[in-house]
Full PDB file with SEQRES, HELIX, SHEET, SSBOND, CRYST1, ORIGX, SCALE, CONECT and MASTER records, all heavy atoms in Angstrom:
SEQRES   1 A   40  PRO GLN CYS HIS PRO MET GLN ALA PRO GLN THR GLY ALA          
SEQRES   2 A   40  THR ALA HIS SER ALA ASP ASN GLY GLU TRP CYS ALA GLY          
SEQRES   3 A   40  HIS GLY LEU PRO GLU SER HIS CYS THR LYS CYS HIS PRO          
SEQRES   4 A   40  GLU                                                          
HELIX    1 AA1 GLU A   31  HIS A   33  5                                   3    
CRYST1    1.000    1.000    1.000  90.00  90.00  90.00 P 1           1          
ORIGX1      1.000000  0.000000  0.000000        0.00000                         
ORIGX2      0.000000  1.000000  0.000000        0.00000                         
ORIGX3      0.000000  0.000000  1.000000        0.00000                         
SCALE1      1.000000  0.000000  0.000000        0.00000                         
SCALE2      0.000000  1.000000  0.000000        0.00000                         
SCALE3      0.000000  0.000000  1.000000        0.00000                         
ATOM      1  N   PRO A   1     124.238  75.015 118.793  1.00  0.00           N  
ATOM      2  CA  PRO A   1     125.555  75.436 118.296  1.00  0.00           C  
ATOM      3  C   PRO A   1     126.267  76.419 119.211  1.00  0.00           C  
ATOM      4  O   PRO A   1     127.468  76.624 119.060  1.00  0.00           O  
ATOM      5  CB  PRO A   1     125.221  76.088 116.938  1.00  0.00           C  
ATOM      6  CG  PRO A   1     123.779  76.474 117.038  1.00  0.00           C  
ATOM      7  CD  PRO A   1     123.137  75.469 117.924  1.00  0.00           C  
ATOM      8  N   GLN A   2     125.534  77.024 120.182  1.00  0.00           N  
ATOM      9  CA  GLN A   2     126.175  77.927 121.121  1.00  0.00           C  
ATOM     10  C   GLN A   2     126.635  77.180 122.376  1.00  0.00           C  
ATOM     11  O   GLN A   2     127.755  77.396 122.854  1.00  0.00           O  
ATOM     12  CB  GLN A   2     125.199  79.051 121.514  1.00  0.00           C  
ATOM     13  CG  GLN A   2     124.665  79.851 120.348  1.00  0.00           C  
ATOM     14  CD  GLN A   2     125.749  80.637 119.653  1.00  0.00           C  
ATOM     15  OE1 GLN A   2     126.676  81.107 120.291  1.00  0.00           O  
ATOM     16  NE2 GLN A   2     125.645  80.768 118.345  1.00  0.00           N  
ATOM     17  N   CYS A   3     125.762  76.314 122.915  1.00  0.00           N  
ATOM     18  CA  CYS A   3     126.093  75.590 124.149  1.00  0.00           C  
ATOM     19  C   CYS A   3     126.953  74.355 123.886  1.00  0.00           C  
ATOM     20  O   CYS A   3     127.866  74.045 124.668  1.00  0.00           O  
ATOM     21  CB  CYS A   3     124.810  75.173 124.875  1.00  0.00           C  
ATOM     22  SG  CYS A   3     123.709  76.550 125.246  1.00  0.00           S  
ATOM     23  N   HIS A   4     126.663  73.628 122.795  1.00  0.00           N  
ATOM     24  CA  HIS A   4     127.385  72.392 122.487  1.00  0.00           C  
ATOM     25  C   HIS A   4     127.767  72.374 121.008  1.00  0.00           C  
ATOM     26  O   HIS A   4     127.187  71.628 120.213  1.00  0.00           O  
ATOM     27  CB  HIS A   4     126.519  71.166 122.825  1.00  0.00           C  
ATOM     28  CG  HIS A   4     125.974  71.168 124.210  1.00  0.00           C  
ATOM     29  ND1 HIS A   4     126.769  71.015 125.324  1.00  0.00           N  
ATOM     30  CD2 HIS A   4     124.696  71.345 124.667  1.00  0.00           C  
ATOM     31  CE1 HIS A   4     126.011  71.070 126.404  1.00  0.00           C  
ATOM     32  NE2 HIS A   4     124.752  71.282 126.038  1.00  0.00           N  
ATOM     33  N   PRO A   5     128.706  73.233 120.599  1.00  0.00           N  
ATOM     34  CA  PRO A   5     129.064  73.311 119.171  1.00  0.00           C  
ATOM     35  C   PRO A   5     129.618  71.996 118.644  1.00  0.00           C  
ATOM     36  O   PRO A   5     130.326  71.277 119.341  1.00  0.00           O  
ATOM     37  CB  PRO A   5     130.115  74.425 119.125  1.00  0.00           C  
ATOM     38  CG  PRO A   5     130.661  74.491 120.516  1.00  0.00           C  
ATOM     39  CD  PRO A   5     129.535  74.139 121.425  1.00  0.00           C  
ATOM     40  N   MET A   6     129.276  71.676 117.377  1.00  0.00           N  
ATOM     41  CA  MET A   6     129.745  70.469 116.710  1.00  0.00           C  
ATOM     42  C   MET A   6     130.737  70.836 115.609  1.00  0.00           C  
ATOM     43  O   MET A   6     130.688  71.938 115.056  1.00  0.00           O  
ATOM     44  CB  MET A   6     128.555  69.713 116.097  1.00  0.00           C  
ATOM     45  CG  MET A   6     127.537  69.208 117.099  1.00  0.00           C  
ATOM     46  SD  MET A   6     126.191  68.327 116.260  1.00  0.00           S  
ATOM     47  CE  MET A   6     127.073  66.927 115.585  1.00  0.00           C  
ATOM     48  N   GLN A   7     131.611  69.922 115.293  1.00  0.00           N  
ATOM     49  CA  GLN A   7     132.556  70.120 114.200  1.00  0.00           C  
ATOM     50  C   GLN A   7     131.827  69.881 112.870  1.00  0.00           C  
ATOM     51  O   GLN A   7     131.171  68.867 112.684  1.00  0.00           O  
ATOM     52  CB  GLN A   7     133.745  69.146 114.333  1.00  0.00           C  
ATOM     53  CG  GLN A   7     134.775  69.270 113.227  1.00  0.00           C  
ATOM     54  CD  GLN A   7     135.478  70.610 113.259  1.00  0.00           C  
ATOM     55  OE1 GLN A   7     135.838  71.098 114.314  1.00  0.00           O  
ATOM     56  NE2 GLN A   7     135.676  71.212 112.107  1.00  0.00           N  
ATOM     57  N   ALA A   8     131.926  70.833 111.966  1.00  0.00           N  
ATOM     58  CA  ALA A   8     131.294  70.685 110.660  1.00  0.00           C  
ATOM     59  C   ALA A   8     131.916  69.515 109.911  1.00  0.00           C  
ATOM     60  O   ALA A   8     133.116  69.251 110.043  1.00  0.00           O  
ATOM     61  CB  ALA A   8     131.437  71.959 109.844  1.00  0.00           C  
ATOM     62  N   PRO A   9     131.124  68.769 109.119  1.00  0.00           N  
ATOM     63  CA  PRO A   9     131.684  67.634 108.367  1.00  0.00           C  
ATOM     64  C   PRO A   9     132.660  68.111 107.307  1.00  0.00           C  
ATOM     65  O   PRO A   9     132.503  69.186 106.734  1.00  0.00           O  
ATOM     66  CB  PRO A   9     130.441  66.993 107.742  1.00  0.00           C  
ATOM     67  CG  PRO A   9     129.456  68.118 107.645  1.00  0.00           C  
ATOM     68  CD  PRO A   9     129.696  68.966 108.855  1.00  0.00           C  
ATOM     69  N   GLN A  10     133.682  67.320 107.058  1.00  0.00           N  
ATOM     70  CA  GLN A  10     134.661  67.629 106.026  1.00  0.00           C  
ATOM     71  C   GLN A  10     134.121  67.186 104.677  1.00  0.00           C  
ATOM     72  O   GLN A  10     133.583  66.110 104.528  1.00  0.00           O  
ATOM     73  CB  GLN A  10     135.984  66.926 106.301  1.00  0.00           C  
ATOM     74  CG  GLN A  10     136.661  67.393 107.588  1.00  0.00           C  
ATOM     75  CD  GLN A  10     138.024  66.783 107.746  1.00  0.00           C  
ATOM     76  OE1 GLN A  10     138.501  66.094 106.844  1.00  0.00           O  
ATOM     77  NE2 GLN A  10     138.663  67.015 108.873  1.00  0.00           N  
ATOM     78  N   THR A  11     134.260  68.060 103.708  1.00  0.00           N  
ATOM     79  CA  THR A  11     133.842  67.737 102.345  1.00  0.00           C  
ATOM     80  C   THR A  11     134.924  68.147 101.392  1.00  0.00           C  
ATOM     81  O   THR A  11     135.456  69.253 101.484  1.00  0.00           O  
ATOM     82  CB  THR A  11     132.554  68.484 101.978  1.00  0.00           C  
ATOM     83  OG1 THR A  11     132.754  69.884 102.134  1.00  0.00           O  
ATOM     84  CG2 THR A  11     131.399  68.065 102.867  1.00  0.00           C  
ATOM     85  N   GLY A  12     135.253  67.284 100.449  1.00  0.00           N  
ATOM     86  CA  GLY A  12     136.226  67.634  99.409  1.00  0.00           C  
ATOM     87  C   GLY A  12     137.605  67.794  99.994  1.00  0.00           C  
ATOM     88  O   GLY A  12     138.136  66.921 100.660  1.00  0.00           O  
ATOM     89  N   ALA A  13     138.221  68.995  99.782  1.00  0.00           N  
ATOM     90  CA  ALA A  13     139.589  69.261 100.206  1.00  0.00           C  
ATOM     91  C   ALA A  13     139.679  69.237 101.720  1.00  0.00           C  
ATOM     92  O   ALA A  13     138.709  69.348 102.448  1.00  0.00           O  
ATOM     93  CB  ALA A  13     140.033  70.617  99.656  1.00  0.00           C  
ATOM     94  N   THR A  14     140.893  69.134 102.197  1.00  0.00           N  
ATOM     95  CA  THR A  14     141.133  69.070 103.633  1.00  0.00           C  
ATOM     96  C   THR A  14     140.531  70.270 104.331  1.00  0.00           C  
ATOM     97  O   THR A  14     140.794  71.401 103.971  1.00  0.00           O  
ATOM     98  CB  THR A  14     142.657  69.024 103.899  1.00  0.00           C  
ATOM     99  OG1 THR A  14     143.195  67.912 103.182  1.00  0.00           O  
ATOM    100  CG2 THR A  14     142.942  68.889 105.375  1.00  0.00           C  
ATOM    101  N   ALA A  15     139.698  70.013 105.352  1.00  0.00           N  
ATOM    102  CA  ALA A  15     139.054  71.116 106.070  1.00  0.00           C  
ATOM    103  C   ALA A  15     140.041  71.765 107.023  1.00  0.00           C  
ATOM    104  O   ALA A  15     140.917  71.106 107.570  1.00  0.00           O  
ATOM    105  CB  ALA A  15     137.852  70.590 106.860  1.00  0.00           C  
ATOM    106  N   HIS A  16     139.880  73.060 107.218  1.00  0.00           N  
ATOM    107  CA  HIS A  16     140.735  73.784 108.156  1.00  0.00           C  
ATOM    108  C   HIS A  16     139.943  74.948 108.722  1.00  0.00           C  
ATOM    109  O   HIS A  16     138.943  75.364 108.171  1.00  0.00           O  
ATOM    110  CB  HIS A  16     142.013  74.291 107.477  1.00  0.00           C  
ATOM    111  CG  HIS A  16     141.750  75.138 106.284  1.00  0.00           C  
ATOM    112  ND1 HIS A  16     141.615  74.622 105.019  1.00  0.00           N  
ATOM    113  CD2 HIS A  16     141.558  76.470 106.169  1.00  0.00           C  
ATOM    114  CE1 HIS A  16     141.371  75.602 104.168  1.00  0.00           C  
ATOM    115  NE2 HIS A  16     141.322  76.739 104.843  1.00  0.00           N  
ATOM    116  N   SER A  17     140.405  75.450 109.848  1.00  0.00           N  
ATOM    117  CA  SER A  17     139.685  76.527 110.533  1.00  0.00           C  
ATOM    118  C   SER A  17     140.572  77.743 110.659  1.00  0.00           C  
ATOM    119  O   SER A  17     141.788  77.627 110.776  1.00  0.00           O  
ATOM    120  CB  SER A  17     139.252  76.050 111.928  1.00  0.00           C  
ATOM    121  OG  SER A  17     138.718  77.128 112.654  1.00  0.00           O  
ATOM    122  N   ALA A  18     139.932  78.930 110.641  1.00  0.00           N  
ATOM    123  CA  ALA A  18     140.697  80.170 110.776  1.00  0.00           C  
ATOM    124  C   ALA A  18     141.082  80.446 112.211  1.00  0.00           C  
ATOM    125  O   ALA A  18     141.941  81.269 112.468  1.00  0.00           O  
ATOM    126  CB  ALA A  18     139.872  81.343 110.230  1.00  0.00           C  
ATOM    127  N   ASP A  19     140.448  79.744 113.162  1.00  0.00           N  
ATOM    128  CA  ASP A  19     140.719  80.056 114.563  1.00  0.00           C  
ATOM    129  C   ASP A  19     141.646  79.029 115.197  1.00  0.00           C  
ATOM    130  O   ASP A  19     141.543  78.728 116.375  1.00  0.00           O  
ATOM    131  CB  ASP A  19     139.404  80.140 115.344  1.00  0.00           C  
ATOM    132  CG  ASP A  19     138.615  78.842 115.269  1.00  0.00           C  
ATOM    133  OD1 ASP A  19     139.040  77.922 114.544  1.00  0.00           O  
ATOM    134  OD2 ASP A  19     137.598  78.774 115.935  1.00  0.00           O  
ATOM    135  N   ASN A  20     142.580  78.511 114.417  1.00  0.00           N  
ATOM    136  CA  ASN A  20     143.519  77.537 114.962  1.00  0.00           C  
ATOM    137  C   ASN A  20     144.761  78.196 115.534  1.00  0.00           C  
ATOM    138  O   ASN A  20     145.787  77.560 115.717  1.00  0.00           O  
ATOM    139  CB  ASN A  20     143.919  76.513 113.887  1.00  0.00           C  
ATOM    140  CG  ASN A  20     144.524  77.208 112.658  1.00  0.00           C  
ATOM    141  OD1 ASN A  20     144.725  78.426 112.664  1.00  0.00           O  
ATOM    142  ND2 ASN A  20     144.803  76.438 111.622  1.00  0.00           N  
ATOM    143  N   GLY A  21     144.701  79.500 115.781  1.00  0.00           N  
ATOM    144  CA  GLY A  21     145.842  80.211 116.338  1.00  0.00           C  
ATOM    145  C   GLY A  21     146.830  80.665 115.297  1.00  0.00           C  
ATOM    146  O   GLY A  21     147.805  81.318 115.623  1.00  0.00           O  
ATOM    147  N   GLU A  22     146.593  80.330 114.002  1.00  0.00           N  
ATOM    148  CA  GLU A  22     147.503  80.734 112.938  1.00  0.00           C  
ATOM    149  C   GLU A  22     146.706  81.521 111.911  1.00  0.00           C  
ATOM    150  O   GLU A  22     145.720  81.032 111.380  1.00  0.00           O  
ATOM    151  CB  GLU A  22     148.122  79.511 112.266  1.00  0.00           C  
ATOM    152  CG  GLU A  22     148.893  78.590 113.210  1.00  0.00           C  
ATOM    153  CD  GLU A  22     149.397  77.368 112.456  1.00  0.00           C  
ATOM    154  OE1 GLU A  22     148.603  76.453 112.229  1.00  0.00           O  
ATOM    155  OE2 GLU A  22     150.570  77.364 112.083  1.00  0.00           O  
ATOM    156  N   TRP A  23     147.152  82.710 111.641  1.00  0.00           N  
ATOM    157  CA  TRP A  23     146.476  83.515 110.635  1.00  0.00           C  
ATOM    158  C   TRP A  23     147.471  84.454 109.984  1.00  0.00           C  
ATOM    159  O   TRP A  23     148.181  85.198 110.668  1.00  0.00           O  
ATOM    160  CB  TRP A  23     145.333  84.303 111.253  1.00  0.00           C  
ATOM    161  CG  TRP A  23     144.550  85.071 110.231  1.00  0.00           C  
ATOM    162  CD1 TRP A  23     144.617  86.393 109.969  1.00  0.00           C  
ATOM    163  CD2 TRP A  23     143.609  84.527 109.305  1.00  0.00           C  
ATOM    164  NE1 TRP A  23     143.767  86.724 108.945  1.00  0.00           N  
ATOM    165  CE2 TRP A  23     143.134  85.599 108.520  1.00  0.00           C  
ATOM    166  CE3 TRP A  23     143.115  83.251 109.058  1.00  0.00           C  
ATOM    167  CZ2 TRP A  23     142.208  85.432 107.509  1.00  0.00           C  
ATOM    168  CZ3 TRP A  23     142.183  83.087 108.058  1.00  0.00           C  
ATOM    169  CH2 TRP A  23     141.726  84.154 107.294  1.00  0.00           C  
ATOM    170  N   CYS A  24     147.514  84.418 108.661  1.00  0.00           N  
ATOM    171  CA  CYS A  24     148.389  85.311 107.898  1.00  0.00           C  
ATOM    172  C   CYS A  24     147.543  86.505 107.460  1.00  0.00           C  
ATOM    173  O   CYS A  24     146.773  86.403 106.500  1.00  0.00           O  
ATOM    174  CB  CYS A  24     148.989  84.585 106.702  1.00  0.00           C  
ATOM    175  SG  CYS A  24     150.004  85.664 105.662  1.00  0.00           S  
ATOM    176  N   ALA A  25     147.647  87.616 108.201  1.00  0.00           N  
ATOM    177  CA  ALA A  25     146.839  88.796 107.885  1.00  0.00           C  
ATOM    178  C   ALA A  25     147.254  89.404 106.552  1.00  0.00           C  
ATOM    179  O   ALA A  25     146.449  90.040 105.876  1.00  0.00           O  
ATOM    180  CB  ALA A  25     146.980  89.837 108.996  1.00  0.00           C  
ATOM    181  N   GLY A  26     148.494  89.208 106.157  1.00  0.00           N  
ATOM    182  CA  GLY A  26     148.968  89.793 104.902  1.00  0.00           C  
ATOM    183  C   GLY A  26     148.335  89.180 103.676  1.00  0.00           C  
ATOM    184  O   GLY A  26     148.169  89.860 102.658  1.00  0.00           O  
ATOM    185  N   HIS A  27     147.948  87.878 103.763  1.00  0.00           N  
ATOM    186  CA  HIS A  27     147.380  87.209 102.590  1.00  0.00           C  
ATOM    187  C   HIS A  27     145.983  86.670 102.831  1.00  0.00           C  
ATOM    188  O   HIS A  27     145.339  86.180 101.899  1.00  0.00           O  
ATOM    189  CB  HIS A  27     148.317  86.071 102.146  1.00  0.00           C  
ATOM    190  CG  HIS A  27     149.669  86.557 101.724  1.00  0.00           C  
ATOM    191  ND1 HIS A  27     150.803  86.377 102.493  1.00  0.00           N  
ATOM    192  CD2 HIS A  27     150.056  87.259 100.626  1.00  0.00           C  
ATOM    193  CE1 HIS A  27     151.841  86.926 101.876  1.00  0.00           C  
ATOM    194  NE2 HIS A  27     151.422  87.470 100.761  1.00  0.00           N  
ATOM    195  N   GLY A  28     145.478  86.724 104.084  1.00  0.00           N  
ATOM    196  CA  GLY A  28     144.094  86.370 104.348  1.00  0.00           C  
ATOM    197  C   GLY A  28     143.793  84.889 104.340  1.00  0.00           C  
ATOM    198  O   GLY A  28     142.779  84.467 103.768  1.00  0.00           O  
ATOM    199  N   LEU A  29     144.660  84.075 104.961  1.00  0.00           N  
ATOM    200  CA  LEU A  29     144.406  82.636 105.091  1.00  0.00           C  
ATOM    201  C   LEU A  29     145.226  82.122 106.267  1.00  0.00           C  
ATOM    202  O   LEU A  29     146.126  82.820 106.755  1.00  0.00           O  
ATOM    203  CB  LEU A  29     144.747  81.880 103.800  1.00  0.00           C  
ATOM    204  CG  LEU A  29     146.229  81.630 103.447  1.00  0.00           C  
ATOM    205  CD1 LEU A  29     146.312  80.590 102.351  1.00  0.00           C  
ATOM    206  CD2 LEU A  29     146.942  82.892 103.012  1.00  0.00           C  
ATOM    207  N   PRO A  30     144.956  80.875 106.746  1.00  0.00           N  
ATOM    208  CA  PRO A  30     145.756  80.354 107.855  1.00  0.00           C  
ATOM    209  C   PRO A  30     147.243  80.311 107.505  1.00  0.00           C  
ATOM    210  O   PRO A  30     147.625  79.989 106.370  1.00  0.00           O  
ATOM    211  CB  PRO A  30     145.181  78.945 108.077  1.00  0.00           C  
ATOM    212  CG  PRO A  30     143.779  79.038 107.567  1.00  0.00           C  
ATOM    213  CD  PRO A  30     143.842  79.971 106.408  1.00  0.00           C  
ATOM    214  N   GLU A  31     148.090  80.638 108.481  1.00  0.00           N  
ATOM    215  CA  GLU A  31     149.533  80.671 108.263  1.00  0.00           C  
ATOM    216  C   GLU A  31     150.055  79.321 107.752  1.00  0.00           C  
ATOM    217  O   GLU A  31     150.959  79.270 106.925  1.00  0.00           O  
ATOM    218  CB  GLU A  31     150.239  81.047 109.567  1.00  0.00           C  
ATOM    219  CG  GLU A  31     151.738  81.288 109.455  1.00  0.00           C  
ATOM    220  CD  GLU A  31     152.063  82.578 108.731  1.00  0.00           C  
ATOM    221  OE1 GLU A  31     151.209  83.485 108.746  1.00  0.00           O  
ATOM    222  OE2 GLU A  31     153.132  82.681 108.133  1.00  0.00           O  
ATOM    223  N   SER A  32     149.467  78.225 108.271  1.00  0.00           N  
ATOM    224  CA  SER A  32     149.932  76.887 107.884  1.00  0.00           C  
ATOM    225  C   SER A  32     149.599  76.551 106.433  1.00  0.00           C  
ATOM    226  O   SER A  32     150.072  75.544 105.911  1.00  0.00           O  
ATOM    227  CB  SER A  32     149.316  75.835 108.805  1.00  0.00           C  
ATOM    228  OG  SER A  32     147.899  75.894 108.739  1.00  0.00           O  
ATOM    229  N   HIS A  33     148.766  77.393 105.758  1.00  0.00           N  
ATOM    230  CA  HIS A  33     148.411  77.163 104.364  1.00  0.00           C  
ATOM    231  C   HIS A  33     148.942  78.259 103.441  1.00  0.00           C  
ATOM    232  O   HIS A  33     148.635  78.253 102.249  1.00  0.00           O  
ATOM    233  CB  HIS A  33     146.884  77.085 104.213  1.00  0.00           C  
ATOM    234  CG  HIS A  33     146.285  75.817 104.744  1.00  0.00           C  
ATOM    235  ND1 HIS A  33     146.348  75.457 106.068  1.00  0.00           N  
ATOM    236  CD2 HIS A  33     145.619  74.805 104.112  1.00  0.00           C  
ATOM    237  CE1 HIS A  33     145.739  74.297 106.242  1.00  0.00           C  
ATOM    238  NE2 HIS A  33     145.283  73.880 105.080  1.00  0.00           N  
ATOM    239  N   CYS A  34     149.687  79.219 104.006  1.00  0.00           N  
ATOM    240  CA  CYS A  34     150.151  80.358 103.203  1.00  0.00           C  
ATOM    241  C   CYS A  34     151.420  79.975 102.440  1.00  0.00           C  
ATOM    242  O   CYS A  34     152.523  79.940 103.003  1.00  0.00           O  
ATOM    243  CB  CYS A  34     150.411  81.574 104.084  1.00  0.00           C  
ATOM    244  SG  CYS A  34     150.865  83.033 103.128  1.00  0.00           S  
ATOM    245  N   THR A  35     151.252  79.726 101.159  1.00  0.00           N  
ATOM    246  CA  THR A  35     152.393  79.331 100.325  1.00  0.00           C  
ATOM    247  C   THR A  35     153.179  80.539  99.816  1.00  0.00           C  
ATOM    248  O   THR A  35     154.222  80.351  99.177  1.00  0.00           O  
ATOM    249  CB  THR A  35     151.895  78.504  99.134  1.00  0.00           C  
ATOM    250  OG1 THR A  35     150.797  79.185  98.513  1.00  0.00           O  
ATOM    251  CG2 THR A  35     151.418  77.132  99.606  1.00  0.00           C  
ATOM    252  N   LYS A  36     152.674  81.750 100.090  1.00  0.00           N  
ATOM    253  CA  LYS A  36     153.450  82.949  99.758  1.00  0.00           C  
ATOM    254  C   LYS A  36     154.527  83.180 100.802  1.00  0.00           C  
ATOM    255  O   LYS A  36     155.673  83.515 100.478  1.00  0.00           O  
ATOM    256  CB  LYS A  36     152.529  84.182  99.666  1.00  0.00           C  
ATOM    257  CG  LYS A  36     151.436  84.066  98.621  1.00  0.00           C  
ATOM    258  CD  LYS A  36     151.987  84.019  97.210  1.00  0.00           C  
ATOM    259  CE  LYS A  36     150.850  84.014  96.191  1.00  0.00           C  
ATOM    260  NZ  LYS A  36     151.336  83.895  94.807  1.00  0.00           N  
ATOM    261  N   CYS A  37     154.150  83.014 102.068  1.00  0.00           N  
ATOM    262  CA  CYS A  37     155.118  83.169 103.153  1.00  0.00           C  
ATOM    263  C   CYS A  37     155.983  81.916 103.335  1.00  0.00           C  
ATOM    264  O   CYS A  37     157.123  82.000 103.808  1.00  0.00           O  
ATOM    265  CB  CYS A  37     154.392  83.486 104.463  1.00  0.00           C  
ATOM    266  SG  CYS A  37     153.444  85.015 104.419  1.00  0.00           S  
ATOM    267  N   HIS A  38     155.428  80.752 102.961  1.00  0.00           N  
ATOM    268  CA  HIS A  38     156.145  79.484 103.141  1.00  0.00           C  
ATOM    269  C   HIS A  38     156.134  78.699 101.830  1.00  0.00           C  
ATOM    270  O   HIS A  38     155.380  77.725 101.675  1.00  0.00           O  
ATOM    271  CB  HIS A  38     155.497  78.669 104.261  1.00  0.00           C  
ATOM    272  CG  HIS A  38     155.334  79.415 105.544  1.00  0.00           C  
ATOM    273  ND1 HIS A  38     156.383  79.719 106.376  1.00  0.00           N  
ATOM    274  CD2 HIS A  38     154.222  79.974 106.110  1.00  0.00           C  
ATOM    275  CE1 HIS A  38     155.936  80.400 107.423  1.00  0.00           C  
ATOM    276  NE2 HIS A  38     154.635  80.580 107.279  1.00  0.00           N  
ATOM    277  N   PRO A  39     156.917  79.125 100.839  1.00  0.00           N  
ATOM    278  CA  PRO A  39     156.898  78.454  99.530  1.00  0.00           C  
ATOM    279  C   PRO A  39     157.308  76.985  99.586  1.00  0.00           C  
ATOM    280  O   PRO A  39     157.010  76.229  98.669  1.00  0.00           O  
ATOM    281  CB  PRO A  39     157.879  79.287  98.694  1.00  0.00           C  
ATOM    282  CG  PRO A  39     158.726  80.025  99.688  1.00  0.00           C  
ATOM    283  CD  PRO A  39     157.866  80.260 100.880  1.00  0.00           C  
ATOM    284  N   GLU A  40     157.971  76.585 100.674  1.00  0.00           N  
ATOM    285  CA  GLU A  40     158.370  75.179 100.787  1.00  0.00           C  
ATOM    286  C   GLU A  40     157.173  74.241 100.911  1.00  0.00           C  
ATOM    287  O   GLU A  40     157.305  73.018 100.746  1.00  0.00           O  
ATOM    288  CB  GLU A  40     159.308  74.983 101.987  1.00  0.00           C  
ATOM    289  CG  GLU A  40     158.648  75.210 103.352  1.00  0.00           C  
ATOM    290  CD  GLU A  40     158.677  76.666 103.794  1.00  0.00           C  
ATOM    291  OE1 GLU A  40     159.017  77.532 102.969  1.00  0.00           O  
ATOM    292  OE2 GLU A  40     158.346  76.931 104.978  1.00  0.00           O  
TER     293      GLU A  40                                                      
MASTER        0    0    0    1    0    0    0    6  292    1    0    4          
END                                                                             
């Protein structure tokens, strides 16, 4: 997992990662999933 990391399998709801360059520090989730900042 250090030299050749693998993508974890998706289970249930759509999988997402915190290190995708988007992070809403005010609400503690990825910016692309923050419905408080982006109610649309």
